[in-house]
Protein backbone atom coordinates (compact mmCIF):
# COMPACT_ATOMS: atom_id res chain seq x y z
CA MET A 1 17.55 -33.29 -56.44
CA THR A 2 17.70 -29.51 -55.50
CA LYS A 3 19.11 -29.22 -52.14
CA HIS A 4 17.08 -26.85 -49.84
CA ARG A 5 18.79 -23.69 -48.83
CA TYR A 6 18.21 -23.44 -45.07
CA SER A 7 18.08 -19.97 -43.73
CA ASN A 8 20.06 -18.85 -40.45
CA ARG A 9 16.87 -18.87 -38.64
CA GLU A 10 16.10 -22.54 -39.55
CA ILE A 11 19.58 -23.57 -38.66
CA ALA A 12 19.31 -21.68 -35.35
CA VAL A 13 15.94 -23.27 -34.56
CA ALA A 14 17.39 -26.56 -35.39
CA ALA A 15 20.44 -26.14 -32.96
CA THR A 16 17.97 -25.17 -30.19
CA GLN A 17 15.95 -28.33 -30.93
CA ILE A 18 18.99 -30.46 -30.77
CA ARG A 19 19.83 -29.07 -27.28
CA LYS A 20 16.21 -29.62 -26.13
CA ARG A 21 16.02 -33.09 -27.39
CA ILE A 22 19.15 -34.10 -25.71
CA LEU A 23 18.11 -32.56 -22.61
CA LYS A 24 14.96 -34.56 -22.82
CA PHE A 25 17.07 -37.75 -23.33
CA ALA A 26 19.06 -36.74 -20.06
CA LEU A 27 15.82 -36.26 -18.06
CA GLU A 28 14.35 -39.49 -19.27
CA ARG A 29 17.48 -41.68 -18.89
CA GLY A 30 19.20 -39.98 -15.83
CA GLY A 31 22.01 -38.51 -17.84
CA CYS A 32 23.49 -37.78 -21.20
CA TYR A 33 26.52 -36.16 -23.04
CA LEU A 34 24.51 -32.91 -22.70
CA THR A 35 27.39 -30.37 -22.74
CA GLN A 36 28.71 -31.81 -26.20
CA ALA A 37 25.11 -31.00 -27.51
CA CYS A 38 25.43 -27.39 -26.05
CA SER A 39 28.79 -26.78 -27.57
CA SER A 40 28.22 -28.41 -31.00
CA ALA A 41 24.71 -27.80 -31.95
CA GLU A 42 25.30 -24.92 -34.36
CA ILE A 43 28.41 -26.72 -35.81
CA VAL A 44 26.47 -30.03 -36.57
CA ALA A 45 23.24 -28.38 -37.76
CA THR A 46 25.28 -25.93 -40.21
CA LEU A 47 27.16 -28.80 -41.41
CA TYR A 48 23.99 -30.82 -42.54
CA MET A 49 21.75 -27.84 -43.29
CA ARG A 50 24.26 -25.80 -45.33
CA ILE A 51 27.82 -26.87 -45.70
CA LEU A 52 27.94 -30.55 -46.60
CA ASN A 53 27.30 -31.66 -50.16
CA ILE A 54 25.80 -34.86 -49.67
CA GLY A 55 22.91 -36.85 -51.49
CA PRO A 56 19.70 -38.17 -50.04
CA SER A 57 19.80 -40.78 -47.33
CA ILE A 58 19.84 -44.39 -48.52
CA GLY A 59 19.32 -45.64 -45.02
CA ASN A 60 15.90 -46.88 -43.36
CA PRO A 61 14.52 -43.84 -41.59
CA GLU A 62 13.25 -45.94 -38.59
CA ALA A 63 15.45 -47.19 -35.82
CA GLN A 64 16.73 -50.81 -36.61
CA PRO A 65 17.19 -53.64 -34.17
CA PHE A 66 20.94 -54.25 -33.76
CA PRO A 67 22.04 -57.77 -32.95
CA GLY A 68 25.19 -56.90 -31.09
CA VAL A 69 29.06 -56.59 -31.53
CA PRO A 70 30.31 -57.35 -35.03
CA SER A 71 29.94 -61.05 -35.84
CA PRO A 72 29.07 -63.22 -38.78
CA SER A 73 25.46 -62.58 -38.07
CA ASN A 74 25.66 -59.01 -38.78
CA MET A 75 28.53 -58.48 -41.15
CA ASP A 76 26.02 -57.23 -43.72
CA TYR A 77 24.24 -54.91 -41.37
CA PRO A 78 23.40 -51.42 -42.93
CA LYS A 79 26.23 -48.95 -42.47
CA GLY A 80 25.91 -45.68 -40.50
CA TRP A 81 27.09 -43.58 -43.58
CA PHE A 82 24.16 -44.79 -45.53
CA TYR A 83 22.27 -41.75 -43.97
CA ASN A 84 24.72 -39.24 -45.42
CA GLY A 85 23.93 -40.43 -48.82
CA GLU A 86 25.88 -42.60 -51.54
CA HIS A 87 29.55 -42.21 -51.96
CA THR A 88 29.95 -40.71 -55.34
CA PRO A 89 33.03 -38.67 -56.58
CA GLU A 90 31.38 -35.39 -56.48
CA ARG A 91 29.82 -35.82 -53.04
CA ASP A 92 31.47 -34.86 -49.57
CA ARG A 93 31.88 -37.20 -46.75
CA LEU A 94 31.62 -36.65 -42.84
CA PHE A 95 33.77 -38.76 -40.46
CA VAL A 96 32.82 -38.18 -36.81
CA SER A 97 35.70 -38.79 -34.61
CA CYS A 98 33.95 -37.60 -31.35
CA CYS A 99 31.80 -40.77 -31.02
CA HIS A 100 30.08 -39.52 -27.74
CA TYR A 101 28.47 -36.74 -29.94
CA ALA A 102 26.22 -39.48 -31.49
CA SER A 103 23.03 -37.95 -30.00
CA VAL A 104 23.85 -34.69 -31.72
CA ILE A 105 24.46 -36.41 -35.05
CA TYR A 106 21.09 -38.34 -34.63
CA CYS A 107 19.06 -34.97 -33.91
CA ALA A 108 20.58 -33.28 -36.92
CA LEU A 109 19.76 -36.39 -39.18
CA ALA A 110 16.00 -36.07 -37.83
CA ALA A 111 16.10 -32.23 -38.42
CA THR A 112 16.97 -32.82 -42.10
CA ASP A 113 14.50 -35.73 -42.58
CA ARG A 114 17.24 -38.40 -42.87
CA ILE A 115 15.83 -40.32 -39.91
CA SER A 116 12.31 -40.16 -38.48
CA GLU A 117 11.32 -38.39 -35.37
CA SER A 118 10.24 -41.71 -33.95
CA ALA A 119 13.57 -43.19 -34.31
CA LEU A 120 15.01 -40.88 -31.77
CA ASP A 121 12.62 -42.63 -29.10
CA LYS A 122 15.19 -45.68 -29.55
CA PHE A 123 18.11 -43.49 -28.36
CA ASN A 124 20.25 -45.64 -26.08
CA VAL A 125 17.74 -48.31 -25.89
CA ASP A 126 19.24 -51.78 -25.66
CA GLY A 127 18.89 -53.80 -28.99
CA TRP A 128 18.65 -50.87 -31.27
CA ASN A 129 21.13 -49.01 -33.47
CA MET A 130 20.64 -45.60 -31.90
CA GLU A 131 23.42 -46.02 -29.31
CA MET A 132 24.80 -43.31 -27.02
CA ILE A 133 28.39 -43.91 -28.43
CA GLY A 134 28.59 -44.03 -32.18
CA ALA A 135 30.03 -46.69 -34.27
CA GLU A 136 30.09 -47.88 -37.96
CA HIS A 137 26.45 -49.18 -37.65
CA SER A 138 25.15 -45.86 -36.10
CA PRO A 139 23.21 -43.48 -38.26
CA GLY A 140 25.68 -40.78 -39.56
CA PHE A 141 28.88 -42.58 -38.70
CA GLU A 142 31.43 -43.70 -41.13
CA ASN A 143 33.51 -45.92 -38.86
CA THR A 144 33.84 -46.90 -35.25
CA ALA A 145 35.34 -43.90 -33.77
CA GLY A 146 36.89 -42.85 -30.35
CA SER A 147 39.39 -40.44 -28.98
CA LEU A 148 42.69 -42.15 -30.04
CA GLY A 149 42.92 -40.40 -33.32
CA GLN A 150 42.23 -43.27 -35.69
CA THR A 151 39.09 -41.62 -37.19
CA VAL A 152 40.93 -38.48 -38.38
CA SER A 153 43.77 -40.70 -39.92
CA ALA A 154 41.09 -42.79 -41.67
CA ALA A 155 39.44 -39.58 -42.92
CA ALA A 156 42.84 -38.33 -44.22
CA GLY A 157 43.41 -41.61 -46.05
CA VAL A 158 40.23 -41.20 -47.77
CA ALA A 159 40.92 -37.50 -48.84
CA HIS A 160 44.25 -38.80 -50.09
CA ALA A 161 42.52 -41.35 -52.28
CA TYR A 162 39.98 -38.78 -53.47
CA LYS A 163 42.85 -36.41 -54.48
CA LEU A 164 44.61 -39.14 -56.30
CA LYS A 165 41.55 -40.05 -58.26
CA ASN A 166 40.83 -36.17 -58.89
CA TYR A 167 37.38 -36.47 -57.16
CA ALA A 168 35.49 -33.19 -56.38
CA GLY A 169 34.07 -34.35 -52.94
CA ARG A 170 35.65 -32.97 -49.73
CA ILE A 171 36.39 -34.97 -46.79
CA PHE A 172 35.30 -33.55 -43.47
CA CYS A 173 36.24 -34.81 -40.05
CA MET A 174 34.87 -33.60 -36.63
CA LEU A 175 36.90 -33.70 -33.48
CA SER A 176 36.63 -32.37 -30.07
CA ASP A 177 39.53 -30.43 -28.56
CA GLY A 178 40.41 -33.09 -25.96
CA GLU A 179 41.25 -35.47 -28.72
CA LEU A 180 44.20 -33.14 -29.84
CA GLU A 181 46.18 -34.57 -26.82
CA GLU A 182 46.60 -37.86 -28.86
CA GLY A 183 49.96 -38.28 -30.72
CA GLN A 184 48.15 -40.20 -33.54
CA ASP A 185 46.37 -36.99 -34.50
CA TRP A 186 49.50 -35.08 -35.00
CA GLU A 187 50.96 -37.80 -37.12
CA CYS A 188 47.84 -37.51 -39.35
CA PHE A 189 48.12 -33.63 -39.60
CA GLN A 190 51.75 -33.86 -40.55
CA THR A 191 50.90 -36.32 -43.13
CA ALA A 192 47.97 -34.48 -44.57
CA SER A 193 50.05 -31.43 -44.92
CA PHE A 194 52.75 -33.32 -46.67
CA TYR A 195 50.28 -34.67 -49.18
CA ASN A 196 48.77 -31.25 -49.69
CA LEU A 197 45.30 -32.48 -48.85
CA ASP A 198 43.33 -29.35 -49.71
CA ASN A 199 40.23 -31.39 -49.89
CA PHE A 200 40.49 -32.22 -46.21
CA ILE A 201 38.71 -30.09 -43.53
CA VAL A 202 38.85 -30.80 -39.92
CA ILE A 203 36.42 -29.13 -37.75
CA VAL A 204 37.25 -29.15 -33.89
CA ASP A 205 34.76 -28.30 -31.12
CA VAL A 206 37.03 -26.40 -28.89
CA ASN A 207 34.75 -26.47 -25.77
CA HIS A 208 37.88 -26.51 -23.57
CA GLN A 209 36.78 -29.59 -21.72
CA GLN A 210 37.48 -33.37 -21.61
CA LEU A 211 36.71 -36.42 -19.23
CA GLU A 212 38.75 -35.18 -16.29
CA GLY A 213 37.87 -31.42 -16.41
CA TRP A 214 39.16 -28.46 -18.33
CA THR A 215 41.86 -29.11 -21.07
CA LYS A 216 43.92 -26.29 -19.66
CA ASP A 217 44.21 -27.97 -16.39
CA VAL A 218 44.62 -31.61 -17.67
CA MET A 219 46.85 -31.07 -20.52
CA ASN A 220 47.08 -27.54 -22.11
CA ILE A 221 46.85 -27.69 -26.02
CA GLU A 222 46.89 -23.94 -26.65
CA PRO A 223 47.74 -22.21 -28.86
CA ILE A 224 45.95 -24.61 -31.17
CA GLU A 225 45.92 -22.53 -34.26
CA LYS A 226 49.70 -21.92 -33.99
CA ARG A 227 50.35 -25.64 -33.65
CA PHE A 228 48.29 -26.40 -36.71
CA GLU A 229 50.04 -23.66 -38.76
CA ALA A 230 53.41 -25.14 -37.76
CA PHE A 231 52.21 -28.50 -39.12
CA GLY A 232 51.53 -26.71 -42.43
CA TRP A 233 47.71 -26.30 -42.13
CA LYS A 234 45.50 -23.31 -42.97
CA ALA A 235 43.96 -22.66 -39.60
CA LEU A 236 40.91 -20.53 -38.73
CA ARG A 237 39.59 -19.82 -35.32
CA ILE A 238 35.78 -18.71 -35.08
CA ASN A 239 32.92 -18.52 -32.73
CA GLY A 240 31.45 -22.03 -33.20
CA HIS A 241 27.84 -20.73 -32.21
CA ASN A 242 27.97 -18.24 -35.34
CA ILE A 243 26.29 -19.79 -38.31
CA ASN A 244 27.60 -17.22 -40.71
CA ALA A 245 31.29 -17.58 -39.36
CA LEU A 246 30.91 -21.36 -39.72
CA THR A 247 29.74 -21.03 -43.30
CA ALA A 248 32.34 -18.49 -44.23
CA ALA A 249 35.12 -20.55 -42.78
CA SER A 250 34.15 -23.64 -44.64
CA ALA A 251 34.21 -21.88 -48.05
CA ILE A 252 37.59 -20.27 -47.62
CA GLU A 253 40.18 -21.01 -50.21
CA HIS A 254 43.20 -23.23 -48.96
CA PRO A 255 45.13 -24.30 -52.07
CA ASP A 256 47.68 -27.19 -51.23
CA GLN A 257 46.76 -27.13 -47.59
CA PRO A 258 44.42 -28.77 -45.33
CA LEU A 259 41.92 -26.56 -43.43
CA VAL A 260 41.19 -26.61 -39.70
CA ILE A 261 38.28 -24.84 -38.35
CA LEU A 262 38.77 -24.27 -34.74
CA CYS A 263 35.27 -23.51 -33.08
CA ASP A 264 35.43 -21.96 -29.73
CA THR A 265 32.13 -22.99 -27.98
CA ASN A 266 30.42 -22.90 -24.70
CA PRO A 267 29.58 -26.32 -23.09
CA ALA A 268 26.71 -24.62 -21.23
CA GLN A 269 25.22 -22.71 -24.27
CA GLY A 270 21.57 -22.62 -23.99
CA ILE A 271 21.34 -24.42 -20.60
CA PRO A 272 22.91 -22.09 -18.03
CA THR A 273 22.34 -24.65 -15.15
CA LEU A 274 25.40 -26.47 -16.56
CA ASP A 275 27.78 -23.54 -15.73
CA SER A 276 27.92 -24.87 -12.04
CA ILE A 277 28.69 -28.48 -13.14
CA VAL A 278 32.43 -29.52 -13.27
CA PRO A 279 33.53 -31.51 -14.93
CA LYS A 280 30.91 -31.54 -17.64
CA HIS A 281 32.01 -34.56 -19.82
CA PHE A 282 28.82 -36.63 -18.82
CA VAL A 283 26.05 -35.01 -17.13
CA THR A 284 23.97 -36.97 -14.59
CA ILE A 285 20.39 -36.00 -13.92
CA ASN A 286 19.56 -36.74 -10.12
CA GLU A 287 17.03 -35.61 -7.57
CA GLY A 288 19.25 -32.62 -6.64
CA ASN A 289 19.33 -31.07 -9.94
CA ARG A 290 16.11 -32.51 -11.76
CA SER A 291 13.97 -29.66 -11.03
CA ALA A 292 16.54 -27.13 -12.35
CA PHE A 293 17.16 -28.97 -15.57
CA GLN A 294 13.22 -29.62 -16.00
CA ALA A 295 12.66 -25.88 -15.78
CA GLU A 296 15.40 -25.22 -18.52
CA TYR A 297 13.59 -27.71 -20.71
CA ASP A 298 10.17 -26.04 -20.07
CA ARG A 299 11.73 -22.73 -20.85
CA MET A 300 13.16 -24.06 -24.07
């Protein structure tokens, strides 16, 4: 199978559509993790449409009924990674630590025909696998994730195994900057450097926000790149909305070092109405702001 080479324009259009679809979710459901879509749309679209070397989906393109929390009745339930293709030595793998970015992942899967457009209709509908918070059964997710840092450690463990086996595939892990306040992350970063995991690439959506507000006000994590460098990583800081910068950063040589790509982003990118909302972690649509957000949707 020859991988389609998406143009910058196609990726940019997909990023705009990601924002528009998730704004539609918010309008229909009274709220959503909307700013995360604004900040990460180009990152995720570029990963799926250009950077990742993954095979065709082996998951069902339609939304699937989900019986509930893990139990004997669903132990054989299809895994979320099926939508990123088979695990083979030459293929890359993507771990998503920021599980509240699930809607962004689903929309990117739809943009690359890994799930159907109709599957998106089941987003955050009870009893279906298209949940607002991603887990191991959610399309595009390798594991049950969260902000405590376990996903980056799981990803690093897979990278270590791949390196021991001389597999060519790279292991990508996507984080948001608020997660970097967790000590577990830094234990992982130290370990990845010690084992020279140059097949390990961490991408951080540095949108400068977290649940309680701006990271600089809650727990300042700057200068992030200096901290990674002190832990032995190759660190790059780029404009996370620049498709060429994302492409170039993912291709840079980093022998014997893991790579972190710090993507400075705007949590109101493409939807200026969000500028006036603080904190922005979860955006609620109500009668006071619905008309402004509807106008944004119509414009898009």
